[in-house]
Amino acid sequence: MAGKRFKWLVYGVIIIAASVAITLWLGRPEPVTVIVKSAERGRVQDTTANTRAGTIKACSRAGLSPATGGQIARLPVAVGDQVERGQLLLELWNDDLRAQVSLAASEARAARALTRQACVLADVAARDAARLRKLRDKGLTTEEAADKADGEASAQAAACEAARARAAVSQSQLDVARATLERTRLSAPFSGTVAEINGEIGEFVTPSPVGIPTPPAVDLVDISCLYASAPIDEVDAPGIRVGMPALISLDAFPRQRFAGEVRRVAPYVLDREKQARTVDVEVDFADPKDSHGMLPGYSADIEVILAEHSDVVRVPTEAVLEGGKLLVLQADGMLHERKITTGLSNWAYTEVKEGVEPGEKVVVSVDRDGVADGALAHVEASAESDD
């Protein structure tokens, strides 16, 4: 009997222990699902980026229009044509001005011929006067004849000088006529591509009234040299200097980022929008070949690299909590809050000087419900980041 009682007592203890274990198991908190990434060694850059979308711009671009109004008579180029510097793009009707240039050229030639005539006569008169002075000294001619010869020589010299002045006036008139004619011609100020033409042969073009911009007759752009321009918040602008390295990204090339270099920081602040004061920053492509195939007007973002640390411990920036803390996944599946000391940081990575070691798993899904210090966690996915 005693053996039976002991046996039932053991069974009872086992049943009670099992009940307690089942109760504890059923009453345990459900694990939260988290996404983790490993702390690692790599490069961290301190960067600043534009506040609004920037633009790819051409180093040389000009909206060109004739300096005077008139009717289009020649349009020797078409949209998309490659033109060289000085090449004619458009010409207005200018037959009257051509005639004026021809008339002025003829008058200039006549003035030069008259100048040569007057100066030859002056030279002859000067030689005659010299001979008569010698004869006077020898007593072979009168003083009156010698004086008359000297006067004639002086008069002819003055006539020569006057003829030269008239020739200079005629040349200036020719220059004016040519300049007036040139105002009816539109030539390329640099080599480039004709991006747009506003006008056809026979149509009239007029200069823009003061303060009222009108479309240019020809839009010329040099797409062989491109750069990115974007607004940077005024708070970040003081740390940017010409020559700093930068990165350029475009919506048109979503999987690529291009190396660049700051070429210009605007010397003024724009306040086009309330509470949004910005400074325009321009970035050149480090390798001009990178911009081949791009078009002016593409939207672009820039990221200026202010400082860089290599081979440091880093974690995804999204894992860093307010106050410089991380949630580290421990071997037992529990989350442990860890205080860290941070260094450089950007949108992707944050440098950790103290508080975490390479290989430790940190939680990046910190905004999920239940993700907190002491919580039991289940890993949904893990991803190792690239340098």
Foldseek 3Di string as FASTA:
>chain_A
DVVVVVVVVVVVVVVVVVVVVVVCVVPPDDFAAFEKEFWAWWKFFFKFKFPDWWWKAFPDKDQAAFPFKAAWADAPDDAFDWDFFFAWGTFHDDPVLVVQLVVLVVQLVVLVVQLVVLVVQLVVLVVVLVVVVVCVVVVNDDPVVSVVSVVSSVVSVVSNVVSVVSSVVSVVSSVVSVVVRCSRIDGHNGTFGWHDADDDGGDMDGDADPPGDDGGRTMTGHLLFIKIKGWGFPVPQVLDDFFFKKWKDFPVCHVDIFIWTWHDWAPDWDPPDPPGITIMTMIGGPDSVVSPPPDTGTTMMMMTGSDMDTGATKDFPLQADPPQWWFWQDPVQFTAIWHFDWDRHDNGIIGTPDTDDGGTMTTNPCVDPPPDHGGRHDYPYYDYDDD
